[in-house]
Protein backbone atom coordinates (compact mmCIF):
# COMPACT_ATOMS: atom_id res chain seq x y z
CA MET A 1 33.42 -9.54 12.39
CA ALA A 2 29.94 -10.63 12.55
CA LYS A 3 28.80 -13.26 14.90
CA ILE A 4 27.40 -16.33 13.53
CA LEU A 5 23.66 -16.64 15.01
CA LYS A 6 21.82 -20.25 15.47
CA LYS A 7 20.35 -21.47 12.34
CA VAL A 8 16.20 -21.38 11.54
CA ASP A 9 13.95 -22.55 9.20
CA VAL A 10 12.24 -19.64 8.21
CA LEU A 11 13.86 -15.88 8.19
CA THR A 12 11.31 -12.75 7.22
CA VAL A 13 13.01 -9.57 6.79
CA GLY A 14 10.66 -7.02 8.19
CA VAL A 15 7.59 -7.43 10.61
CA GLY A 16 4.34 -5.86 9.19
CA TRP A 17 1.16 -7.34 7.02
CA THR A 18 3.22 -9.75 4.85
CA GLY A 19 5.80 -10.29 7.46
CA GLY A 20 3.49 -10.58 10.14
CA ILE A 21 1.21 -13.45 7.70
CA VAL A 22 4.25 -15.38 7.15
CA ALA A 23 5.29 -15.40 10.60
CA ALA A 24 1.95 -16.46 11.80
CA GLU A 25 1.29 -19.30 9.33
CA CYS A 26 4.95 -20.93 9.37
CA ALA A 27 4.76 -20.67 13.13
CA LYS A 28 1.44 -22.41 13.15
CA ALA A 29 2.95 -24.64 11.08
CA GLY A 30 5.54 -25.63 13.36
CA LEU A 31 8.48 -24.29 11.83
CA LYS A 32 11.13 -22.15 13.81
CA VAL A 33 10.53 -18.56 12.75
CA VAL A 34 12.50 -15.17 13.38
CA GLY A 35 11.59 -11.94 12.35
CA LEU A 36 13.70 -9.01 12.04
CA GLU A 37 12.55 -5.50 12.54
CA ARG A 38 14.78 -2.68 12.08
CA GLY A 39 12.45 -0.20 14.37
CA ASP A 40 11.64 -0.41 17.63
CA MET A 41 9.17 -3.17 19.73
CA ARG A 42 5.85 -1.34 20.29
CA SER A 43 2.08 -2.16 21.14
CA THR A 44 -1.49 -1.02 21.18
CA GLU A 45 -0.57 0.31 24.83
CA ASP A 46 1.94 2.86 23.18
CA PHE A 47 -0.43 4.81 21.57
CA VAL A 48 -2.65 5.69 24.66
CA GLN A 49 -2.94 9.69 24.33
CA VAL A 50 -1.55 10.18 21.25
CA HIS A 51 -3.69 12.64 19.75
CA ASP A 52 -0.96 14.84 19.03
CA GLU A 53 -1.67 16.20 15.45
CA TRP A 54 1.60 18.46 15.36
CA ARG A 55 3.87 15.78 16.11
CA TYR A 56 2.46 12.44 14.38
CA ALA A 57 0.49 13.90 11.14
CA VAL A 58 2.36 16.76 10.55
CA ASN A 59 6.19 15.77 11.79
CA TYR A 60 5.72 12.06 11.61
CA ALA A 61 6.24 10.86 14.59
CA LEU A 62 5.88 7.00 13.60
CA MET A 63 7.58 6.95 10.35
CA GLN A 64 10.91 6.42 8.76
CA ASP A 65 14.35 8.53 9.86
CA LEU A 66 15.24 9.92 6.87
CA SER A 67 18.88 11.00 8.56
CA LYS A 68 19.85 7.28 8.96
CA GLU A 69 18.11 6.04 5.71
CA THR A 70 16.18 7.46 2.50
CA VAL A 71 15.48 7.40 -1.47
CA THR A 72 17.12 9.26 -4.07
CA PHE A 73 14.76 10.51 -6.61
CA ARG A 74 14.66 11.84 -10.11
CA ASN A 75 12.20 12.44 -13.21
CA SER A 76 14.26 10.76 -15.19
CA PRO A 77 16.96 9.09 -16.49
CA LYS A 78 19.13 12.01 -18.02
CA GLN A 79 18.56 14.06 -14.13
CA LYS A 80 20.91 13.88 -11.16
CA ALA A 81 18.87 11.67 -8.47
CA LEU A 82 19.20 13.77 -4.83
CA PRO A 83 18.07 12.56 -1.55
CA MET A 84 14.36 12.79 0.35
CA ARG A 85 15.58 14.91 2.88
CA LYS A 86 12.01 15.08 4.48
CA LEU A 87 9.03 12.80 4.01
CA GLY A 88 6.14 14.27 1.69
CA SER A 89 4.68 12.28 -1.27
CA PHE A 90 4.51 9.17 0.70
CA LEU A 91 5.23 7.74 4.56
CA LEU A 92 7.81 5.14 5.12
CA GLY A 93 6.37 3.46 8.27
CA ASP A 94 8.94 2.68 11.28
CA ASN A 95 9.21 0.03 13.97
CA LEU A 96 7.15 -3.05 14.73
CA GLY A 97 4.29 -3.56 12.34
CA GLY A 98 5.55 -1.14 9.57
CA ALA A 99 3.15 1.42 7.86
CA GLY A 100 0.16 -1.59 8.78
CA VAL A 101 0.04 0.40 12.05
CA HIS A 102 -0.59 3.97 10.89
CA TRP A 103 -2.63 2.68 8.30
CA ASN A 104 -6.57 4.40 7.15
CA GLY A 105 -7.90 0.94 6.72
CA TRP A 106 -9.24 0.60 3.08
CA THR A 107 -9.22 -3.07 2.73
CA TYR A 108 -9.96 -3.88 -1.41
CA ARG A 109 -9.45 -6.79 -3.27
CA PHE A 110 -8.60 -5.90 -6.46
CA PHE A 111 -10.60 -6.90 -10.26
CA PRO A 112 -10.04 -9.67 -12.06
CA TYR A 113 -9.43 -7.40 -14.91
CA ASP A 114 -6.13 -6.56 -12.81
CA PHE A 115 -4.40 -9.83 -12.67
CA GLU A 116 -5.34 -10.09 -16.61
CA ILE A 117 -5.09 -7.08 -17.85
CA LYS A 118 -2.46 -7.56 -20.64
CA THR A 119 -4.98 -10.34 -21.71
CA MET A 120 -7.94 -8.42 -21.52
CA THR A 121 -7.18 -5.02 -22.57
CA GLU A 122 -5.71 -6.65 -25.73
CA LYS A 123 -9.06 -9.01 -26.05
CA ARG A 124 -11.65 -5.65 -25.55
CA TYR A 125 -9.58 -2.97 -26.99
CA GLY A 126 -6.92 -4.72 -29.25
CA LYS A 127 -3.39 -4.77 -29.45
CA ASN A 128 -2.43 -0.46 -29.66
CA LYS A 129 -4.82 0.86 -26.77
CA LEU A 130 -1.30 1.79 -25.45
CA SER A 131 1.84 2.21 -27.05
CA LYS A 132 4.94 -0.07 -26.34
CA ASP A 133 6.57 1.95 -23.66
CA TYR A 134 3.85 1.30 -20.92
CA LEU A 135 5.14 -2.05 -19.77
CA ILE A 136 1.96 -3.47 -19.01
CA GLN A 137 1.73 -7.23 -18.31
CA ASP A 138 -0.01 -9.95 -16.55
CA TRP A 139 0.52 -11.11 -13.07
CA GLY A 140 0.73 -15.02 -13.78
CA ILE A 141 -1.89 -15.36 -11.72
CA THR A 142 -5.90 -15.19 -11.33
CA TYR A 143 -8.44 -13.40 -9.09
CA ASP A 144 -9.92 -16.80 -8.59
CA GLU A 145 -6.81 -18.49 -7.35
CA MET A 146 -6.28 -15.46 -5.38
CA GLU A 147 -9.92 -15.58 -4.00
CA PRO A 148 -9.38 -18.01 -1.16
CA TYR A 149 -6.48 -15.60 0.14
CA PHE A 150 -8.40 -12.50 0.08
CA ASP A 151 -11.18 -13.96 1.78
CA ARG A 152 -8.49 -15.30 4.96
CA PHE A 153 -6.83 -11.83 5.05
CA GLU A 154 -10.65 -9.98 5.04
CA LYS A 155 -11.21 -12.26 7.99
CA THR A 156 -7.89 -12.07 9.67
CA ALA A 157 -8.63 -8.22 9.66
CA GLY A 158 -12.58 -8.52 10.50
CA VAL A 159 -13.12 -6.39 7.68
CA SER A 160 -16.70 -4.12 8.07
CA GLY A 161 -17.99 -3.65 4.70
CA GLU A 162 -21.38 -4.72 2.83
CA ALA A 163 -20.62 -7.02 -0.15
CA LYS A 164 -22.60 -5.35 -2.94
CA ASN A 165 -20.70 -3.66 -5.21
CA PRO A 166 -21.55 -5.15 -9.12
CA PHE A 167 -17.96 -5.00 -10.17
CA SER A 168 -15.70 -7.24 -7.69
CA GLY A 169 -14.89 -10.30 -8.55
CA LYS A 170 -16.93 -13.09 -6.90
CA ARG A 171 -16.82 -13.85 -3.28
CA SER A 172 -16.53 -17.16 -1.19
CA ASN A 173 -17.76 -14.91 1.77
CA GLY A 174 -19.26 -12.21 2.85
CA TYR A 175 -17.52 -9.76 4.91
CA PRO A 176 -16.74 -10.64 8.13
CA GLN A 177 -18.50 -7.36 9.88
CA PRO A 178 -21.25 -5.16 8.80
CA PRO A 179 -20.21 -1.88 8.01
CA LEU A 180 -19.53 1.19 9.49
CA LYS A 181 -22.14 3.80 10.55
CA ASN A 182 -23.77 6.02 8.00
CA THR A 183 -23.36 9.57 8.32
CA PRO A 184 -25.38 12.78 6.65
CA ILE A 185 -21.78 13.25 4.32
CA LEU A 186 -21.84 10.23 3.01
CA SER A 187 -25.72 10.14 2.98
CA LYS A 188 -25.16 13.00 0.49
CA PHE A 189 -22.62 11.04 -1.52
CA GLU A 190 -24.97 7.98 -1.88
CA GLN A 191 -27.72 9.88 -2.95
CA ALA A 192 -26.14 11.94 -5.60
CA THR A 193 -24.05 8.85 -7.25
CA THR A 194 -27.32 6.83 -7.08
CA LYS A 195 -29.78 9.61 -8.77
CA MET A 196 -27.14 9.58 -11.59
CA GLY A 197 -27.43 5.88 -12.32
CA TYR A 198 -23.98 4.88 -10.46
CA ASN A 199 -23.70 1.88 -7.96
CA PRO A 200 -22.51 3.18 -4.45
CA TYR A 201 -21.67 0.76 -1.57
CA ARG A 202 -19.95 1.11 1.88
CA MET A 203 -16.33 1.34 1.96
CA PRO A 204 -14.09 -2.01 3.04
CA ALA A 205 -12.82 -1.29 6.36
CA SER A 206 -10.60 -2.79 8.78
CA ASN A 207 -11.87 -0.42 11.45
CA SER A 208 -13.91 -2.88 13.47
CA SER A 209 -17.40 -2.33 13.53
CA GLY A 210 -18.24 -3.99 16.97
CA SER A 211 -16.45 -6.31 18.63
CA TYR A 212 -15.02 -8.92 16.49
CA THR A 213 -12.87 -12.67 17.11
CA ASN A 214 -10.96 -13.47 14.37
CA PRO A 215 -10.26 -17.21 13.17
CA ASP A 216 -6.81 -17.12 15.23
CA GLY A 217 -8.48 -15.89 18.38
CA GLU A 218 -7.29 -11.87 18.17
CA VAL A 219 -9.83 -9.66 19.57
CA LEU A 220 -10.43 -6.68 17.67
CA ASN A 221 -12.50 -3.57 19.83
CA PRO A 222 -15.41 -1.05 18.38
CA CYS A 223 -14.34 1.64 16.71
CA GLN A 224 -14.95 5.09 18.66
CA TYR A 225 -15.04 7.04 15.26
CA CYS A 226 -12.28 9.76 16.84
CA ALA A 227 -10.50 10.57 13.54
CA PHE A 228 -7.01 9.82 14.26
CA CYS A 229 -6.50 6.64 12.11
CA GLU A 230 -3.94 7.65 9.42
CA ARG A 231 -0.45 8.42 10.94
CA PHE A 232 -1.35 7.19 14.14
CA GLY A 233 -2.19 3.96 15.86
CA CYS A 234 -5.13 2.87 17.48
CA GLU A 235 -5.06 2.56 21.54
CA TYR A 236 -8.42 1.15 21.29
CA GLY A 237 -7.22 -1.46 19.51
CA ALA A 238 -10.07 -1.35 16.63
CA LYS A 239 -8.31 -1.27 13.61
CA ALA A 240 -6.64 -4.51 12.42
CA SER A 241 -2.80 -3.91 12.36
CA PRO A 242 0.23 -6.58 12.57
CA ILE A 243 0.87 -6.19 16.33
CA VAL A 244 -2.87 -6.99 17.19
CA THR A 245 -3.36 -9.34 14.71
CA VAL A 246 -0.89 -11.90 13.26
CA ILE A 247 1.96 -11.07 15.33
CA PRO A 248 0.08 -12.09 18.55
CA THR A 249 -0.74 -15.16 16.85
CA ALA A 250 2.60 -16.06 15.56
CA LEU A 251 4.10 -15.61 19.12
CA LYS A 252 1.42 -17.61 21.12
CA THR A 253 2.71 -20.80 19.08
CA GLY A 254 6.11 -20.37 20.79
CA ASN A 255 8.01 -21.02 17.52
CA TYR A 256 8.49 -16.95 16.38
CA GLU A 257 11.18 -14.59 18.07
CA ILE A 258 11.07 -10.56 17.13
CA ARG A 259 14.34 -9.11 17.17
CA CYS A 260 14.27 -5.42 17.00
CA ASN A 261 16.71 -2.93 15.92
CA ALA A 262 18.05 -5.42 13.01
CA ASN A 263 18.75 -3.71 9.98
CA VAL A 264 19.52 -6.33 7.45
CA ILE A 265 22.27 -4.87 4.92
CA GLU A 266 22.83 -7.94 2.74
CA ILE A 267 21.41 -11.08 2.08
CA LEU A 268 24.06 -14.29 1.88
CA LYS A 269 23.94 -16.73 -1.08
CA LYS A 270 25.66 -19.85 -1.88
CA GLY A 271 25.17 -21.42 -5.26
CA ASP A 272 21.89 -20.94 -6.08
CA LYS A 273 20.22 -20.62 -3.07
CA VAL A 274 20.41 -18.24 0.03
CA ILE A 275 21.88 -19.43 3.10
CA GLY A 276 21.00 -16.38 4.97
CA VAL A 277 21.44 -12.96 6.02
CA LYS A 278 23.53 -10.04 7.42
CA TYR A 279 22.42 -7.61 9.90
CA VAL A 280 23.25 -4.69 12.17
CA ASP A 281 22.02 -4.22 15.29
CA THR A 282 21.11 -0.35 15.23
CA LYS A 283 21.86 0.28 18.71
CA THR A 284 24.91 -1.06 19.14
CA LEU A 285 26.20 -1.37 15.68
CA GLU A 286 27.23 -4.93 16.31
CA GLU A 287 26.80 -7.53 13.16
CA TYR A 288 25.38 -10.82 12.85
CA ILE A 289 24.60 -13.50 10.81
CA GLN A 290 21.67 -15.24 10.77
CA PRO A 291 21.81 -18.41 8.83
CA ALA A 292 18.72 -19.74 7.49
CA ASP A 293 16.87 -22.64 5.52
CA ILE A 294 14.48 -19.91 3.84
CA VAL A 295 14.59 -16.12 3.70
CA VAL A 296 11.62 -13.86 3.16
CA LEU A 297 11.70 -10.27 2.16
CA SER A 298 8.88 -8.64 3.58
CA SER A 299 9.95 -5.14 4.40
CA PHE A 300 8.29 -2.30 2.51
CA VAL A 301 8.67 -2.47 -1.87
CA LEU A 302 11.67 -0.03 -1.71
CA ASN A 303 13.19 -1.94 0.99
CA ASN A 304 12.67 -5.16 -0.62
CA ALA A 305 13.95 -3.79 -3.99
CA LYS A 306 17.30 -2.48 -2.65
CA LEU A 307 18.21 -5.66 -0.85
CA LEU A 308 17.80 -7.86 -3.67
CA MET A 309 20.03 -5.33 -5.75
CA VAL A 310 22.82 -4.46 -3.23
CA SER A 311 22.91 -8.35 -2.63
CA LYS A 312 23.39 -8.89 -6.88
CA ILE A 313 20.60 -11.02 -7.38
CA GLY A 314 18.49 -10.75 -10.46
CA GLU A 315 19.09 -8.28 -12.97
CA GLN A 316 18.24 -5.29 -12.88
CA TYR A 317 16.64 -3.54 -15.28
CA ASP A 318 17.64 -0.98 -17.91
CA PRO A 319 15.73 1.15 -19.40
CA LYS A 320 17.76 1.54 -22.77
CA THR A 321 17.23 -2.16 -23.34
CA ARG A 322 14.11 -2.99 -21.14
CA LYS A 323 15.95 -5.96 -20.30
CA GLY A 324 16.29 -7.30 -17.09
CA THR A 325 13.45 -7.54 -14.11
CA LEU A 326 14.91 -6.42 -10.94
CA GLY A 327 13.78 -2.54 -10.20
CA LYS A 328 11.30 -2.81 -13.02
CA ASN A 329 7.71 -1.49 -13.32
CA TYR A 330 8.01 0.58 -10.61
CA CYS A 331 4.08 2.47 -10.14
CA TYR A 332 2.47 4.65 -7.71
CA GLN A 333 -1.12 6.31 -8.07
CA LEU A 334 -2.94 9.73 -8.67
CA ASN A 335 -5.07 11.94 -6.16
CA PRO A 336 -7.53 13.94 -8.56
CA GLY A 337 -11.01 15.00 -6.58
CA THR A 338 -13.17 18.16 -6.06
CA THR A 339 -14.38 20.22 -2.98
CA ALA A 340 -17.66 21.11 -2.44
CA PHE A 341 -18.52 24.40 0.09
CA PHE A 342 -22.77 24.37 1.67
CA ASP A 343 -24.58 26.72 3.91
CA GLU A 344 -25.61 23.80 5.58
CA GLN A 345 -23.05 22.55 8.32
CA PHE A 346 -21.60 18.94 8.80
CA ASN A 347 -19.69 16.78 11.80
CA VAL A 348 -16.56 16.93 10.07
CA PHE A 349 -14.16 16.14 12.92
CA MET A 350 -15.60 12.90 14.11
CA GLY A 351 -14.68 10.01 11.74
CA SER A 352 -12.90 6.80 10.92
CA GLY A 353 -9.89 5.98 8.36
CA ALA A 354 -12.38 3.78 6.17
CA LEU A 355 -15.39 5.53 6.96
CA GLY A 356 -16.60 5.78 3.60
CA THR A 357 -19.23 5.30 0.50
CA ASN A 358 -17.70 4.78 -3.38
CA ILE A 359 -18.44 3.91 -6.49
CA ASP A 360 -16.52 1.36 -8.90
CA ASP A 361 -18.23 2.77 -12.01
CA PHE A 362 -15.15 4.79 -13.46
CA ASN A 363 -12.55 2.13 -11.96
CA GLY A 364 -10.84 -0.68 -13.40
CA ASP A 365 -12.50 -1.46 -16.92
CA ASN A 366 -15.46 -1.41 -15.93
CA PHE A 367 -16.84 1.16 -18.62
CA ASP A 368 -16.06 1.30 -22.54
CA HIS A 369 -12.73 2.90 -22.88
CA SER A 370 -12.81 2.91 -26.90
CA SER A 371 -12.77 6.62 -27.28
CA LEU A 372 -10.00 7.11 -24.41
CA ASP A 373 -6.44 7.20 -24.52
CA PHE A 374 -6.06 5.78 -21.13
CA ILE A 375 -6.64 2.57 -19.73
CA HIS A 376 -8.17 1.33 -16.12
CA GLY A 377 -9.66 4.06 -13.79
CA ALA A 378 -10.06 5.19 -10.47
CA LEU A 379 -12.09 4.55 -7.26
CA VAL A 380 -14.57 7.47 -6.69
CA TYR A 381 -15.38 8.32 -3.23
CA GLY A 382 -16.86 9.98 0.07
CA LEU A 383 -14.44 9.63 2.87
CA GLN A 384 -15.58 11.28 6.28
CA SER A 385 -12.30 9.83 8.23
CA GLY A 386 -12.52 13.01 10.80
CA ALA A 387 -11.38 17.05 9.56
CA ARG A 388 -8.33 17.13 12.64
CA PRO A 389 -7.29 21.34 12.27
CA ILE A 390 -4.28 21.66 11.17
CA LEU A 391 -3.79 19.80 7.73
CA SER A 392 -7.68 20.43 7.52
CA ASN A 393 -8.47 24.15 6.10
CA PRO A 394 -10.78 23.72 2.94
CA VAL A 395 -11.99 27.44 1.68
CA PRO A 396 -13.43 28.36 -1.22
CA ALA A 397 -11.72 29.77 -4.65
CA GLY A 398 -10.80 33.09 -4.66
CA THR A 399 -10.08 33.12 -0.62
CA PRO A 400 -6.68 35.31 0.30
CA SER A 401 -4.13 33.06 1.33
CA TRP A 402 -2.99 35.52 4.77
CA GLY A 403 -4.85 37.86 6.60
CA SER A 404 -8.32 38.78 8.69
CA GLU A 405 -10.39 36.81 5.45
CA PHE A 406 -8.93 34.29 5.11
CA LYS A 407 -8.99 33.34 8.69
CA LYS A 408 -12.44 34.32 8.53
CA ALA A 409 -12.95 31.67 5.48
CA SER A 410 -11.24 28.98 7.02
CA VAL A 411 -13.28 28.84 10.68
CA HIS A 412 -16.85 29.28 8.56
CA ASN A 413 -15.67 26.35 5.92
CA TYR A 414 -14.19 23.92 7.96
CA THR A 415 -18.04 22.20 9.44
CA ARG A 416 -19.43 23.43 5.64
CA ALA A 417 -16.64 21.37 2.84
CA ILE A 418 -17.69 17.83 1.53
CA SER A 419 -15.00 16.50 -0.36
CA VAL A 420 -15.27 13.35 -3.07
CA GLY A 421 -11.93 11.89 -4.36
CA GLY A 422 -10.48 9.98 -6.78
CA GLN A 423 -8.00 7.17 -6.48
CA GLY A 424 -6.29 6.20 -9.88
CA ALA A 425 -4.53 3.47 -11.17
CA SER A 426 -0.97 3.68 -12.62
CA MET A 427 0.16 1.57 -15.19
CA PRO A 428 4.26 0.73 -16.02
CA PHE A 429 5.97 3.29 -18.47
CA TYR A 430 9.55 2.33 -19.48
CA GLN A 431 11.42 4.66 -17.87
CA ASN A 432 9.59 4.50 -14.52
CA TYR A 433 12.08 2.37 -11.98
CA LEU A 434 14.12 1.90 -9.17
CA SER A 435 17.84 1.01 -9.21
CA LEU A 436 20.71 1.41 -6.95
CA ASP A 437 22.37 5.38 -6.34
CA PRO A 438 25.70 5.82 -7.49
CA THR A 439 26.66 8.65 -5.19
CA TYR A 440 24.78 8.57 -1.87
CA LYS A 441 24.60 5.63 0.75
CA ASP A 442 22.52 5.20 3.92
CA ALA A 443 23.74 5.62 7.84
CA TYR A 444 25.59 1.85 7.25
CA GLY A 445 27.52 2.51 4.25
CA VAL A 446 24.72 0.71 1.81
CA PRO A 447 23.62 2.65 -1.28
CA LEU A 448 20.75 4.11 -1.24
CA LEU A 449 17.95 3.61 -3.42
CA ARG A 450 17.21 5.64 -6.46
CA MET A 451 13.51 6.56 -7.75
CA THR A 452 13.19 7.30 -11.71
CA TYR A 453 9.12 8.52 -11.55
CA ASN A 454 7.20 10.82 -13.21
CA PHE A 455 3.32 10.92 -14.57
CA THR A 456 2.71 10.02 -17.79
CA ASP A 457 0.82 10.85 -20.46
CA GLN A 458 -1.59 8.15 -19.49
CA ASP A 459 -1.38 9.54 -15.84
CA ARG A 460 -2.70 13.45 -17.28
CA ALA A 461 -5.37 11.62 -18.84
CA LEU A 462 -6.73 9.63 -16.64
CA PHE A 463 -6.25 12.29 -14.14
CA LYS A 464 -8.21 14.88 -16.03
CA PHE A 465 -10.72 12.53 -16.86
CA ILE A 466 -11.95 11.16 -12.96
CA THR A 467 -12.12 15.07 -12.15
CA LYS A 468 -15.08 16.13 -14.25
CA GLN A 469 -16.33 12.83 -12.60
CA THR A 470 -15.82 14.05 -9.26
CA GLU A 471 -16.92 17.53 -10.30
CA ALA A 472 -20.59 15.99 -11.77
CA ILE A 473 -20.87 14.02 -8.39
CA VAL A 474 -20.54 17.10 -6.20
CA LYS A 475 -22.72 19.72 -8.69
CA ALA A 476 -25.21 16.96 -8.00
CA MET A 477 -25.47 17.48 -4.51
CA ASN A 478 -26.17 21.50 -5.08
CA PRO A 479 -23.41 23.28 -3.24
CA LYS A 480 -22.68 26.73 -3.06
CA SER A 481 -18.95 26.18 -5.17
CA ILE A 482 -16.61 24.11 -5.56
CA VAL A 483 -12.58 23.20 -6.02
CA SER A 484 -11.20 20.89 -8.28
CA ALA A 485 -7.70 19.23 -7.69
CA SER A 486 -5.28 21.13 -10.14
CA GLN A 487 -4.10 18.66 -13.07
CA ILE A 488 -0.86 17.50 -13.01
CA VAL A 489 2.55 18.03 -14.93
CA ASP A 490 4.95 16.13 -13.21
CA TYR A 491 5.49 14.04 -10.28
CA SER A 492 7.17 15.66 -6.44
CA VAL A 493 8.24 14.16 -3.97
CA ILE A 494 7.30 17.04 -2.02
CA PRO A 495 3.86 17.06 -0.88
CA TYR A 496 1.70 13.79 0.21
CA GLN A 497 -0.38 12.09 -2.45
CA SER A 498 -0.33 8.25 -1.07
CA THR A 499 2.56 6.21 0.34
CA HIS A 500 0.75 3.24 -2.01
CA ASN A 501 4.30 2.29 -3.54
CA VAL A 502 4.38 -0.97 -5.60
CA GLY A 503 6.31 -2.62 -8.77
CA GLY A 504 10.00 -3.26 -8.97
CA THR A 505 10.23 -6.88 -7.66
CA ILE A 506 7.04 -7.97 -10.06
CA MET A 507 5.11 -11.42 -9.93
CA GLY A 508 4.43 -13.36 -13.08
CA ALA A 509 4.36 -16.65 -15.17
CA ASP A 510 8.18 -16.27 -17.26
CA PRO A 511 11.64 -15.68 -15.40
CA LYS A 512 11.95 -13.31 -18.33
CA THR A 513 9.76 -10.50 -17.54
CA SER A 514 9.57 -10.78 -13.44
CA VAL A 515 11.15 -11.39 -10.58
CA VAL A 516 8.99 -13.91 -8.40
CA ASN A 517 6.27 -16.83 -10.04
CA LYS A 518 3.21 -16.59 -8.07
CA TYR A 519 4.01 -18.41 -5.03
CA LEU A 520 6.37 -15.14 -4.62
CA GLN A 521 9.36 -17.24 -5.03
CA HIS A 522 12.09 -15.71 -6.59
CA TRP A 523 13.02 -17.35 -9.92
CA ASP A 524 17.27 -17.22 -9.01
CA MET A 525 17.05 -18.68 -5.44
CA GLU A 526 14.26 -21.29 -4.77
CA ASN A 527 14.79 -20.74 -1.05
CA LEU A 528 14.38 -16.99 -1.28
CA PHE A 529 10.56 -15.25 -1.21
CA VAL A 530 10.14 -11.91 -1.51
CA VAL A 531 6.56 -10.31 -0.78
CA GLY A 532 4.70 -7.59 -0.73
CA ALA A 533 3.06 -4.60 -3.42
CA GLY A 534 6.39 -5.22 -4.97
CA ASN A 535 4.83 -8.10 -6.42
CA PHE A 536 2.31 -6.17 -7.85
CA ALA A 537 2.88 -5.31 -11.92
CA HIS A 538 0.85 -2.05 -12.33
CA ASN A 539 -1.08 -0.18 -10.05
CA SER A 540 -4.82 0.16 -9.50
CA GLY A 541 -7.45 2.71 -8.13
CA TYR A 542 -7.44 1.00 -5.02
CA ASN A 543 -5.49 0.44 -1.82
CA PRO A 544 -2.98 -2.57 -2.43
CA THR A 545 -3.28 -3.52 1.28
CA GLY A 546 -5.84 -6.07 0.86
CA THR A 547 -3.80 -7.39 -2.34
CA ALA A 548 -0.90 -7.82 -0.74
CA GLY A 549 -2.35 -8.96 2.50
CA ALA A 550 -3.22 -12.01 0.21
CA LEU A 551 -0.64 -12.95 -1.32
CA ALA A 552 1.56 -13.05 1.91
CA TYR A 553 -1.02 -15.72 2.76
CA ARG A 554 -0.44 -17.26 -0.50
CA CYS A 555 3.04 -16.91 -0.21
CA ALA A 556 3.00 -18.53 3.35
CA GLU A 557 1.62 -21.23 1.72
CA GLY A 558 4.04 -21.85 -0.74
CA ILE A 559 6.87 -21.55 2.08
CA ILE A 560 5.31 -24.35 4.39
CA LYS A 561 4.74 -26.60 0.73
CA TYR A 562 8.82 -25.89 -0.45
CA HIS A 563 10.06 -26.55 3.44
CA LYS A 564 8.70 -29.97 2.98
CA LYS A 565 9.80 -30.85 -0.88
CA GLY A 566 11.94 -28.19 -1.55
CA GLY A 567 12.67 -27.07 -5.70
CA SER A 568 10.12 -24.96 -7.86
CA LEU A 569 6.69 -24.45 -6.54
CA ILE A 570 5.69 -23.90 -10.19
């Protein structure tokens, strides 16, 4: 029988960026908060001398153990879904801080267009720009409403950048720190795009360009450009993460407790309210019930949706009738790009996760789509994140795939290749959704989440268009030769693409079309909040973390208001 624990004011399920932000703000306001984290405890000290590419980048030492819990996948509802046995397309974070520990640090604000995409698309292009099979909808909130929360997250993370992007929404402040160092690689991208009439600007980075103290008193150290950001924790404390910012802030209040190795298996409810959660200690397998006045789902996109489904909270989306909201609008991203080869050499090994320069001339609705068969677009960027030797092997077209000629080309081109990438938006499609798998279960007897997803005609058209733009940019750099990414056909979970999964618990102004309101408060259970990239009604050409972090600050504000007054927040 599960042991019943003492009730707390606020309980967060997951302690990453969103759970850490909610905990810090609520604890500062005097609320008693418990954070349940299914992984282990960890800190900056755990990352000293971990520049082991084989262990961490290739074999995913910081990621989720799929032998205990995974997802099943299929391309269409007609197929049988099978478990993903090895991480590939996306990397599920594990342990305290989640994926916010091993991210690269790209920190963007979604465009005003993103928050009102249906209204703005129809106003400019009419109601028939996309077929009704694409379930685009407004988010129930505007960029102007979100701006103060973006500003707060950027200050917490000490973002290094330059506010010169002509396409961005209005800002109340510049970035907290100047951009990271410029390099010959980034200068080539900047010169080429400027000459072409585009508007390059430095990538906003949560890699600290200098010594920085955030508004809560947490300190970030200067980036050392060691090239071990993505898939690694930062031993210098130079990359903003939950374990060096919001989690220490919450702990300092004395109102916050973290319990690691606590895997939540069910949200408990009574009538129209939740009363707590049931969780399993992953070390002892003992079960506990943690009562709470307010429950916040702040784990990864997929787990938030799964917990609502297994707890029977909300109406599951049905692609046949298109009714229901839970699991609806699951979206991903696209990764077109082109690699250029030169005679001159570059210091490709040194770098930082978000050391880059980019343009938004082909992102959002910043260009005319009237004659195009897609909407939205892609961030186009030049990046110097550090070319680690195992996973970095650019070779020109026609190079043999093995043997002496392959080795010779690999060695020669390692320091002579520059890539221009694109990160394309993903629009919701009626047959792309999340649900529970009827066959497979995790190590605790809970059904696995089933992902039904494939690329669409919109995706393929956007991918082809952005590939042409990256080709034009690298050709303007006068390379010897170029190689472009192959055109996409069907989505696969095998090759890595991005961990920018969104949707499934979308926000909105109407309970008929969304899971939560604009404070991330569940429509059916007023003391349940769900926060993260799952709230996105579609995906942008940007990374999701900045927007998810801003939503977490708004959610925390709503939780504090709810704790005082109760009831619906809208």
